[in-house]
Amino acid sequence: MADFLVAAALFILAVTAIALFRILNSRIAAERMMAVQLLGSGGGAALLLLGAATESPATSDVALLLALFAAFSCVAFTLGANATPGAQQESSKERP
């Protein structure tokens, strides 16, 4: 069973790498953010499969952290894209 899980993890990693190569060649910022999300989900899935195959709980923790960091980066990207350029200047004027 462990061999099947390792093979599935390698397949997911290969598909993720091919998709990342395609997305990272884009000049659009939203598509680059999609690459981060793909790395978080595909890499997390591969790490979870490898953790189950090797019975290593630390690998599962790393996979969950990778997915969490990908989600946080998406939130930061969204907040940064919606910020208006004058908002930072106005907040600095309010300080004494």
PDB file of N, CA and C in Angstrom:
ATOM      1  N   MET A   1       0.817  -1.199   0.000  1.00  0.00           N
ATOM      2  CA  MET A   1       0.000   0.000   0.000  1.00  0.00           C
ATOM      3  C   MET A   1       0.858   1.258   0.000  1.00  0.00           C
ATOM      4  N   ALA A   2       1.999   1.177   0.665  1.00  0.00           N
ATOM      5  CA  ALA A   2       2.886   2.341   0.730  1.00  0.00           C
ATOM      6  C   ALA A   2       3.419   2.691  -0.656  1.00  0.00           C
ATOM      7  N   ASP A   3       3.675   1.683  -1.473  1.00  0.00           N
ATOM      8  CA  ASP A   3       4.169   1.951  -2.828  1.00  0.00           C
ATOM      9  C   ASP A   3       3.131   2.690  -3.661  1.00  0.00           C
ATOM     10  N   PHE A   4       1.870   2.321  -3.486  1.00  0.00           N
ATOM     11  CA  PHE A   4       0.810   3.006  -4.216  1.00  0.00           C
ATOM     12  C   PHE A   4       0.692   4.464  -3.784  1.00  0.00           C
ATOM     13  N   LEU A   5       0.793   4.719  -2.475  1.00  0.00           N
ATOM     14  CA  LEU A   5       0.708   6.087  -1.976  1.00  0.00           C
ATOM     15  C   LEU A   5       1.872   6.936  -2.464  1.00  0.00           C
ATOM     16  N   VAL A   6       3.067   6.369  -2.501  1.00  0.00           N
ATOM     17  CA  VAL A   6       4.233   7.105  -3.006  1.00  0.00           C
ATOM     18  C   VAL A   6       4.070   7.382  -4.497  1.00  0.00           C
ATOM     19  N   ALA A   7       3.563   6.422  -5.249  1.00  0.00           N
ATOM     20  CA  ALA A   7       3.339   6.633  -6.683  1.00  0.00           C
ATOM     21  C   ALA A   7       2.285   7.712  -6.922  1.00  0.00           C
ATOM     22  N   ALA A   8       1.238   7.697  -6.124  1.00  0.00           N
ATOM     23  CA  ALA A   8       0.205   8.735  -6.262  1.00  0.00           C
ATOM     24  C   ALA A   8       0.764  10.107  -5.904  1.00  0.00           C
ATOM     25  N   ALA A   9       1.615  10.177  -4.885  1.00  0.00           N
ATOM     26  CA  ALA A   9       2.228  11.447  -4.499  1.00  0.00           C
ATOM     27  C   ALA A   9       3.141  11.963  -5.600  1.00  0.00           C
ATOM     28  N   LEU A  10       3.905  11.088  -6.215  1.00  0.00           N
ATOM     29  CA  LEU A  10       4.782  11.506  -7.316  1.00  0.00           C
ATOM     30  C   LEU A  10       3.983  11.961  -8.528  1.00  0.00           C
ATOM     31  N   PHE A  11       2.869  11.301  -8.796  1.00  0.00           N
ATOM     32  CA  PHE A  11       2.013  11.721  -9.904  1.00  0.00           C
ATOM     33  C   PHE A  11       1.437  13.112  -9.645  1.00  0.00           C
ATOM     34  N   ILE A  12       0.936  13.343  -8.436  1.00  0.00           N
ATOM     35  CA  ILE A  12       0.386  14.656  -8.094  1.00  0.00           C
ATOM     36  C   ILE A  12       1.473  15.725  -8.168  1.00  0.00           C
ATOM     37  N   LEU A  13       2.676  15.390  -7.703  1.00  0.00           N
ATOM     38  CA  LEU A  13       3.784  16.337  -7.761  1.00  0.00           C
ATOM     39  C   LEU A  13       4.156  16.667  -9.198  1.00  0.00           C
ATOM     40  N   ALA A  14       4.141  15.673 -10.082  1.00  0.00           N
ATOM     41  CA  ALA A  14       4.464  15.911 -11.491  1.00  0.00           C
ATOM     42  C   ALA A  14       3.414  16.785 -12.167  1.00  0.00           C
ATOM     43  N   VAL A  15       2.159  16.503 -11.907  1.00  0.00           N
ATOM     44  CA  VAL A  15       1.082  17.304 -12.496  1.00  0.00           C
ATOM     45  C   VAL A  15       1.128  18.733 -11.971  1.00  0.00           C
ATOM     46  N   THR A  16       1.416  18.894 -10.689  1.00  0.00           N
ATOM     47  CA  THR A  16       1.528  20.226 -10.098  1.00  0.00           C
ATOM     48  C   THR A  16       2.694  20.990 -10.702  1.00  0.00           C
ATOM     49  N   ALA A  17       3.811  20.331 -10.914  1.00  0.00           N
ATOM     50  CA  ALA A  17       4.981  20.989 -11.507  1.00  0.00           C
ATOM     51  C   ALA A  17       4.705  21.437 -12.939  1.00  0.00           C
ATOM     52  N   ILE A  18       4.014  20.617 -13.710  1.00  0.00           N
ATOM     53  CA  ILE A  18       3.681  20.993 -15.086  1.00  0.00           C
ATOM     54  C   ILE A  18       2.740  22.200 -15.092  1.00  0.00           C
ATOM     55  N   ALA A  19       1.757  22.182 -14.222  1.00  0.00           N
ATOM     56  CA  ALA A  19       0.817  23.305 -14.151  1.00  0.00           C
ATOM     57  C   ALA A  19       1.499  24.566 -13.638  1.00  0.00           C
ATOM     58  N   LEU A  20       2.409  24.428 -12.676  1.00  0.00           N
ATOM     59  CA  LEU A  20       3.138  25.593 -12.177  1.00  0.00           C
ATOM     60  C   LEU A  20       3.985  26.224 -13.267  1.00  0.00           C
ATOM     61  N   PHE A  21       4.632  25.405 -14.066  1.00  0.00           N
ATOM     62  CA  PHE A  21       5.445  25.934 -15.161  1.00  0.00           C
ATOM     63  C   PHE A  21       4.583  26.738 -16.121  1.00  0.00           C
ATOM     64  N   ARG A  22       3.394  26.266 -16.387  1.00  0.00           N
ATOM     65  CA  ARG A  22       2.492  26.966 -17.301  1.00  0.00           C
ATOM     66  C   ARG A  22       1.993  28.283 -16.698  1.00  0.00           C
ATOM     67  N   ILE A  23       1.626  28.260 -15.432  1.00  0.00           N
ATOM     68  CA  ILE A  23       1.052  29.446 -14.809  1.00  0.00           C
ATOM     69  C   ILE A  23       2.113  30.502 -14.517  1.00  0.00           C
ATOM     70  N   LEU A  24       3.292  30.092 -14.096  1.00  0.00           N
ATOM     71  CA  LEU A  24       4.322  31.058 -13.721  1.00  0.00           C
ATOM     72  C   LEU A  24       4.879  31.824 -14.914  1.00  0.00           C
ATOM     73  N   ASN A  25       4.659  31.359 -16.114  1.00  0.00           N
ATOM     74  CA  ASN A  25       5.105  32.082 -17.303  1.00  0.00           C
ATOM     75  C   ASN A  25       4.183  33.244 -17.648  1.00  0.00           C
ATOM     76  N   SER A  26       3.110  33.399 -16.933  1.00  0.00           N
ATOM     77  CA  SER A  26       2.162  34.480 -17.187  1.00  0.00           C
ATOM     78  C   SER A  26       2.654  35.763 -16.534  1.00  0.00           C
ATOM     79  N   ARG A  27       2.228  36.887 -17.081  1.00  0.00           N
ATOM     80  CA  ARG A  27       2.589  38.179 -16.511  1.00  0.00           C
ATOM     81  C   ARG A  27       1.452  38.779 -15.686  1.00  0.00           C
ATOM     82  N   ILE A  28       0.355  38.075 -15.579  1.00  0.00           N
ATOM     83  CA  ILE A  28      -0.811  38.562 -14.843  1.00  0.00           C
ATOM     84  C   ILE A  28      -0.666  38.162 -13.373  1.00  0.00           C
ATOM     85  N   ALA A  29      -0.849  39.129 -12.474  1.00  0.00           N
ATOM     86  CA  ALA A  29      -0.644  38.889 -11.048  1.00  0.00           C
ATOM     87  C   ALA A  29      -1.639  37.874 -10.490  1.00  0.00           C
ATOM     88  N   ALA A  30      -2.866  37.898 -10.972  1.00  0.00           N
ATOM     89  CA  ALA A  30      -3.868  36.954 -10.473  1.00  0.00           C
ATOM     90  C   ALA A  30      -3.501  35.517 -10.841  1.00  0.00           C
ATOM     91  N   GLU A  31      -2.906  35.316 -11.998  1.00  0.00           N
ATOM     92  CA  GLU A  31      -2.499  33.965 -12.374  1.00  0.00           C
ATOM     93  C   GLU A  31      -1.304  33.500 -11.546  1.00  0.00           C
ATOM     94  N   ARG A  32      -0.444  34.413 -11.157  1.00  0.00           N
ATOM     95  CA  ARG A  32       0.646  34.041 -10.264  1.00  0.00           C
ATOM     96  C   ARG A  32       0.118  33.661  -8.885  1.00  0.00           C
ATOM     97  N   MET A  33      -0.924  34.328  -8.448  1.00  0.00           N
ATOM     98  CA  MET A  33      -1.530  33.959  -7.173  1.00  0.00           C
ATOM     99  C   MET A  33      -2.182  32.586  -7.281  1.00  0.00           C
ATOM    100  N   MET A  34      -2.723  32.275  -8.449  1.00  0.00           N
ATOM    101  CA  MET A  34      -3.264  30.934  -8.666  1.00  0.00           C
ATOM    102  C   MET A  34      -2.152  29.891  -8.564  1.00  0.00           C
ATOM    103  N   ALA A  35      -0.942  30.253  -8.972  1.00  0.00           N
ATOM    104  CA  ALA A  35       0.186  29.331  -8.852  1.00  0.00           C
ATOM    105  C   ALA A  35       0.509  29.057  -7.391  1.00  0.00           C
ATOM    106  N   VAL A  36       0.401  30.072  -6.555  1.00  0.00           N
ATOM    107  CA  VAL A  36       0.631  29.876  -5.119  1.00  0.00           C
ATOM    108  C   VAL A  36      -0.431  28.956  -4.541  1.00  0.00           C
ATOM    109  N   GLN A  37      -1.673  29.155  -4.942  1.00  0.00           N
ATOM    110  CA  GLN A  37      -2.743  28.289  -4.465  1.00  0.00           C
ATOM    111  C   GLN A  37      -2.552  26.849  -4.957  1.00  0.00           C
ATOM    112  N   LEU A  38      -2.102  26.706  -6.198  1.00  0.00           N
ATOM    113  CA  LEU A  38      -1.848  25.372  -6.734  1.00  0.00           C
ATOM    114  C   LEU A  38      -0.721  24.687  -5.978  1.00  0.00           C
ATOM    115  N   LEU A  39       0.318  25.429  -5.650  1.00  0.00           N
ATOM    116  CA  LEU A  39       1.415  24.850  -4.887  1.00  0.00           C
ATOM    117  C   LEU A  39       0.947  24.439  -3.495  1.00  0.00           C
ATOM    118  N   GLY A  40       0.084  25.248  -2.897  1.00  0.00           N
ATOM    119  CA  GLY A  40      -0.432  24.901  -1.572  1.00  0.00           C
ATOM    120  C   GLY A  40      -1.294  23.661  -1.586  1.00  0.00           C
ATOM    121  N   SER A  41      -2.137  23.528  -2.595  1.00  0.00           N
ATOM    122  CA  SER A  41      -3.034  22.360  -2.625  1.00  0.00           C
ATOM    123  C   SER A  41      -2.331  21.113  -3.173  1.00  0.00           C
ATOM    124  N   GLY A  42      -1.611  21.261  -4.269  1.00  0.00           N
ATOM    125  CA  GLY A  42      -0.923  20.101  -4.846  1.00  0.00           C
ATOM    126  C   GLY A  42       0.230  19.614  -3.982  1.00  0.00           C
ATOM    127  N   GLY A  43       1.014  20.554  -3.481  1.00  0.00           N
ATOM    128  CA  GLY A  43       2.113  20.169  -2.596  1.00  0.00           C
ATOM    129  C   GLY A  43       1.610  19.584  -1.296  1.00  0.00           C
ATOM    130  N   GLY A  44       0.538  20.162  -0.773  1.00  0.00           N
ATOM    131  CA  GLY A  44      -0.052  19.621   0.450  1.00  0.00           C
ATOM    132  C   GLY A  44      -0.587  18.213   0.251  1.00  0.00           C
ATOM    133  N   ALA A  45      -1.224  17.974  -0.882  1.00  0.00           N
ATOM    134  CA  ALA A  45      -1.743  16.627  -1.163  1.00  0.00           C
ATOM    135  C   ALA A  45      -0.613  15.616  -1.283  1.00  0.00           C
ATOM    136  N   ALA A  46       0.457  15.996  -1.971  1.00  0.00           N
ATOM    137  CA  ALA A  46       1.601  15.092  -2.117  1.00  0.00           C
ATOM    138  C   ALA A  46       2.252  14.814  -0.760  1.00  0.00           C
ATOM    139  N   LEU A  47       2.385  15.853   0.062  1.00  0.00           N
ATOM    140  CA  LEU A  47       2.977  15.644   1.381  1.00  0.00           C
ATOM    141  C   LEU A  47       2.090  14.792   2.282  1.00  0.00           C
ATOM    142  N   LEU A  48       0.768  14.973   2.191  1.00  0.00           N
ATOM    143  CA  LEU A  48      -0.122  14.125   2.982  1.00  0.00           C
ATOM    144  C   LEU A  48      -0.026  12.666   2.561  1.00  0.00           C
ATOM    145  N   LEU A  49       0.074  12.427   1.263  1.00  0.00           N
ATOM    146  CA  LEU A  49       0.231  11.040   0.800  1.00  0.00           C
ATOM    147  C   LEU A  49       1.561  10.446   1.242  1.00  0.00           C
ATOM    148  N   LEU A  50       2.624  11.250   1.160  1.00  0.00           N
ATOM    149  CA  LEU A  50       3.925  10.749   1.611  1.00  0.00           C
ATOM    150  C   LEU A  50       3.948  10.521   3.117  1.00  0.00           C
ATOM    151  N   GLY A  51       3.252  11.375   3.856  1.00  0.00           N
ATOM    152  CA  GLY A  51       3.169  11.172   5.300  1.00  0.00           C
ATOM    153  C   GLY A  51       2.422   9.910   5.664  1.00  0.00           C
ATOM    154  N   ALA A  52       1.383   9.596   4.915  1.00  0.00           N
ATOM    155  CA  ALA A  52       0.641   8.357   5.158  1.00  0.00           C
ATOM    156  C   ALA A  52       1.461   7.138   4.759  1.00  0.00           C
ATOM    157  N   ALA A  53       2.259   7.274   3.710  1.00  0.00           N
ATOM    158  CA  ALA A  53       3.068   6.143   3.256  1.00  0.00           C
ATOM    159  C   ALA A  53       4.209   5.841   4.218  1.00  0.00           C
ATOM    160  N   THR A  54       4.822   6.898   4.761  1.00  0.00           N
ATOM    161  CA  THR A  54       5.959   6.699   5.663  1.00  0.00           C
ATOM    162  C   THR A  54       5.557   6.693   7.131  1.00  0.00           C
ATOM    163  N   GLU A  55       4.267   6.911   7.407  1.00  0.00           N
ATOM    164  CA  GLU A  55       3.738   6.968   8.768  1.00  0.00           C
ATOM    165  C   GLU A  55       4.482   8.011   9.607  1.00  0.00           C
ATOM    166  N   SER A  56       4.721   9.160   8.996  1.00  0.00           N
ATOM    167  CA  SER A  56       5.409  10.261   9.659  1.00  0.00           C
ATOM    168  C   SER A  56       4.405  11.384   9.924  1.00  0.00           C
ATOM    169  N   PRO A  57       4.073  11.654  11.190  1.00  0.00           N
ATOM    170  CA  PRO A  57       3.096  12.710  11.479  1.00  0.00           C
ATOM    171  C   PRO A  57       3.638  14.112  11.185  1.00  0.00           C
ATOM    172  N   ALA A  58       4.947  14.285  11.205  1.00  0.00           N
ATOM    173  CA  ALA A  58       5.522  15.602  10.940  1.00  0.00           C
ATOM    174  C   ALA A  58       5.275  16.033   9.489  1.00  0.00           C
ATOM    175  N   THR A  59       5.226  15.101   8.583  1.00  0.00           N
ATOM    176  CA  THR A  59       4.970  15.427   7.181  1.00  0.00           C
ATOM    177  C   THR A  59       3.556  15.969   7.006  1.00  0.00           C
ATOM    178  N   SER A  60       2.629  15.433   7.753  1.00  0.00           N
ATOM    179  CA  SER A  60       1.252  15.942   7.701  1.00  0.00           C
ATOM    180  C   SER A  60       1.174  17.359   8.248  1.00  0.00           C
ATOM    181  N   ASP A  61       1.964  17.635   9.287  1.00  0.00           N
ATOM    182  CA  ASP A  61       1.995  18.991   9.837  1.00  0.00           C
ATOM    183  C   ASP A  61       2.543  19.983   8.825  1.00  0.00           C
ATOM    184  N   VAL A  62       3.579  19.594   8.110  1.00  0.00           N
ATOM    185  CA  VAL A  62       4.156  20.468   7.082  1.00  0.00           C
ATOM    186  C   VAL A  62       3.159  20.701   5.950  1.00  0.00           C
ATOM    187  N   ALA A  63       2.412  19.681   5.588  1.00  0.00           N
ATOM    188  CA  ALA A  63       1.406  19.824   4.534  1.00  0.00           C
ATOM    189  C   ALA A  63       0.316  20.799   4.946  1.00  0.00           C
ATOM    190  N   LEU A  64      -0.127  20.706   6.177  1.00  0.00           N
ATOM    191  CA  LEU A  64      -1.164  21.618   6.658  1.00  0.00           C
ATOM    192  C   LEU A  64      -0.639  23.051   6.747  1.00  0.00           C
ATOM    193  N   LEU A  65       0.615  23.221   7.151  1.00  0.00           N
ATOM    194  CA  LEU A  65       1.199  24.556   7.182  1.00  0.00           C
ATOM    195  C   LEU A  65       1.335  25.140   5.784  1.00  0.00           C
ATOM    196  N   LEU A  66       1.694  24.322   4.817  1.00  0.00           N
ATOM    197  CA  LEU A  66       1.803  24.789   3.436  1.00  0.00           C
ATOM    198  C   LEU A  66       0.446  25.265   2.924  1.00  0.00           C
ATOM    199  N   ALA A  67      -0.599  24.537   3.216  1.00  0.00           N
ATOM    200  CA  ALA A  67      -1.940  24.957   2.803  1.00  0.00           C
ATOM    201  C   ALA A  67      -2.360  26.231   3.529  1.00  0.00           C
ATOM    202  N   LEU A  68      -1.998  26.355   4.796  1.00  0.00           N
ATOM    203  CA  LEU A  68      -2.332  27.548   5.566  1.00  0.00           C
ATOM    204  C   LEU A  68      -1.609  28.775   5.031  1.00  0.00           C
ATOM    205  N   PHE A  69      -0.333  28.630   4.718  1.00  0.00           N
ATOM    206  CA  PHE A  69       0.432  29.757   4.165  1.00  0.00           C
ATOM    207  C   PHE A  69      -0.092  30.165   2.798  1.00  0.00           C
ATOM    208  N   ALA A  70      -0.529  29.223   1.999  1.00  0.00           N
ATOM    209  CA  ALA A  70      -1.104  29.557   0.694  1.00  0.00           C
ATOM    210  C   ALA A  70      -2.402  30.343   0.865  1.00  0.00           C
ATOM    211  N   ALA A  71      -3.200  29.965   1.841  1.00  0.00           N
ATOM    212  CA  ALA A  71      -4.444  30.697   2.093  1.00  0.00           C
ATOM    213  C   ALA A  71      -4.161  32.110   2.601  1.00  0.00           C
ATOM    214  N   PHE A  72      -3.192  32.256   3.498  1.00  0.00           N
ATOM    215  CA  PHE A  72      -2.832  33.579   4.004  1.00  0.00           C
ATOM    216  C   PHE A  72      -2.283  34.475   2.897  1.00  0.00           C
ATOM    217  N   SER A  73      -1.494  33.901   1.994  1.00  0.00           N
ATOM    218  CA  SER A  73      -0.954  34.714   0.909  1.00  0.00           C
ATOM    219  C   SER A  73      -2.063  35.176  -0.038  1.00  0.00           C
ATOM    220  N   CYS A  74      -3.086  34.364  -0.213  1.00  0.00           N
ATOM    221  CA  CYS A  74      -4.223  34.768  -1.045  1.00  0.00           C
ATOM    222  C   CYS A  74      -4.990  35.910  -0.398  1.00  0.00           C
ATOM    223  N   VAL A  75      -5.153  35.850   0.913  1.00  0.00           N
ATOM    224  CA  VAL A  75      -5.833  36.930   1.621  1.00  0.00           C
ATOM    225  C   VAL A  75      -5.018  38.212   1.539  1.00  0.00           C
ATOM    226  N   ALA A  76      -3.709  38.113   1.719  1.00  0.00           N
ATOM    227  CA  ALA A  76      -2.848  39.294   1.631  1.00  0.00           C
ATOM    228  C   ALA A  76      -2.866  39.885   0.227  1.00  0.00           C
ATOM    229  N   PHE A  77      -2.888  39.043  -0.775  1.00  0.00           N
ATOM    230  CA  PHE A  77      -2.955  39.522  -2.155  1.00  0.00           C
ATOM    231  C   PHE A  77      -4.267  40.252  -2.403  1.00  0.00           C
ATOM    232  N   THR A  78      -5.361  39.708  -1.901  1.00  0.00           N
ATOM    233  CA  THR A  78      -6.668  40.330  -2.091  1.00  0.00           C
ATOM    234  C   THR A  78      -6.750  41.674  -1.371  1.00  0.00           C
ATOM    235  N   LEU A  79      -6.251  41.734  -0.152  1.00  0.00           N
ATOM    236  CA  LEU A  79      -6.271  42.988   0.590  1.00  0.00           C
ATOM    237  C   LEU A  79      -5.364  44.030  -0.057  1.00  0.00           C
ATOM    238  N   GLY A  80      -4.235  43.600  -0.586  1.00  0.00           N
ATOM    239  CA  GLY A  80      -3.328  44.526  -1.250  1.00  0.00           C
ATOM    240  C   GLY A  80      -3.880  45.019  -2.571  1.00  0.00           C
ATOM    241  N   ALA A  81      -4.617  44.183  -3.271  1.00  0.00           N
ATOM    242  CA  ALA A  81      -5.182  44.582  -4.563  1.00  0.00           C
ATOM    243  C   ALA A  81      -6.346  45.546  -4.385  1.00  0.00           C
ATOM    244  N   ASN A  82      -7.052  45.443  -3.265  1.00  0.00           N
ATOM    245  CA  ASN A  82      -8.207  46.305  -3.028  1.00  0.00           C
ATOM    246  C   ASN A  82      -7.846  47.612  -2.336  1.00  0.00           C
ATOM    247  N   ALA A  83      -6.621  47.757  -1.892  1.00  0.00           N
ATOM    248  CA  ALA A  83      -6.222  48.978  -1.197  1.00  0.00           C
ATOM    249  C   ALA A  83      -6.092  50.115  -2.198  1.00  0.00           C
ATOM    250  N   THR A  84      -6.548  51.268  -1.798  1.00  0.00           N
ATOM    251  CA  THR A  84      -6.421  52.444  -2.662  1.00  0.00           C
ATOM    252  C   THR A  84      -5.100  53.130  -2.351  1.00  0.00           C
ATOM    253  N   PRO A  85      -4.462  53.737  -3.348  1.00  0.00           N
ATOM    254  CA  PRO A  85      -3.167  54.368  -3.104  1.00  0.00           C
ATOM    255  C   PRO A  85      -3.239  55.505  -2.100  1.00  0.00           C
ATOM    256  N   GLY A  86      -4.347  56.227  -2.030  1.00  0.00           N
ATOM    257  CA  GLY A  86      -4.458  57.351  -1.118  1.00  0.00           C
ATOM    258  C   GLY A  86      -4.777  56.954   0.310  1.00  0.00           C
ATOM    259  N   ALA A  87      -5.126  55.692   0.550  1.00  0.00           N
ATOM    260  CA  ALA A  87      -5.514  55.270   1.889  1.00  0.00           C
ATOM    261  C   ALA A  87      -4.339  55.324   2.852  1.00  0.00           C
ATOM    262  N   GLN A  88      -3.145  55.009   2.385  1.00  0.00           N
ATOM    263  CA  GLN A  88      -1.990  55.058   3.258  1.00  0.00           C
ATOM    264  C   GLN A  88      -1.626  56.494   3.590  1.00  0.00           C
ATOM    265  N   GLN A  89      -1.778  57.397   2.665  1.00  0.00           N
ATOM    266  CA  GLN A  89      -1.463  58.792   2.914  1.00  0.00           C
ATOM    267  C   GLN A  89      -2.446  59.399   3.904  1.00  0.00           C
ATOM    268  N   GLU A  90      -3.717  59.048   3.800  1.00  0.00           N
ATOM    269  CA  GLU A  90      -4.718  59.579   4.715  1.00  0.00           C
ATOM    270  C   GLU A  90      -4.486  59.076   6.138  1.00  0.00           C
ATOM    271  N   SER A  91      -4.119  57.802   6.286  1.00  0.00           N
ATOM    272  CA  SER A  91      -3.904  57.273   7.632  1.00  0.00           C
ATOM    273  C   SER A  91      -2.673  57.901   8.267  1.00  0.00           C
ATOM    274  N   SER A  92      -1.666  58.279   7.470  1.00  0.00           N
ATOM    275  CA  SER A  92      -0.488  58.896   8.052  1.00  0.00           C
ATOM    276  C   SER A  92      -0.770  60.347   8.459  1.00  0.00           C
ATOM    277  N   LYS A  93      -1.774  60.999   7.857  1.00  0.00           N
ATOM    278  CA  LYS A  93      -2.136  62.360   8.234  1.00  0.00           C
ATOM    279  C   LYS A  93      -2.873  62.389   9.562  1.00  0.00           C
ATOM    280  N   GLU A  94      -3.556  61.293   9.904  1.00  0.00           N
ATOM    281  CA  GLU A  94      -4.326  61.280  11.133  1.00  0.00           C
ATOM    282  C   GLU A  94      -3.439  61.203  12.375  1.00  0.00           C
ATOM    283  N   ARG A  95      -2.236  60.716  12.231  1.00  0.00           N
ATOM    284  CA  ARG A  95      -1.333  60.611  13.376  1.00  0.00           C
ATOM    285  C   ARG A  95      -0.802  61.992  13.742  1.00  0.00           C
ATOM    286  N   PRO A  96      -0.659  62.276  15.032  1.00  0.00           N
ATOM    287  CA  PRO A  96      -0.140  63.590  15.427  1.00  0.00           C
ATOM    288  C   PRO A  96       1.350  63.734  15.208  1.00  0.00           C
TER     289      PRO A  96
END
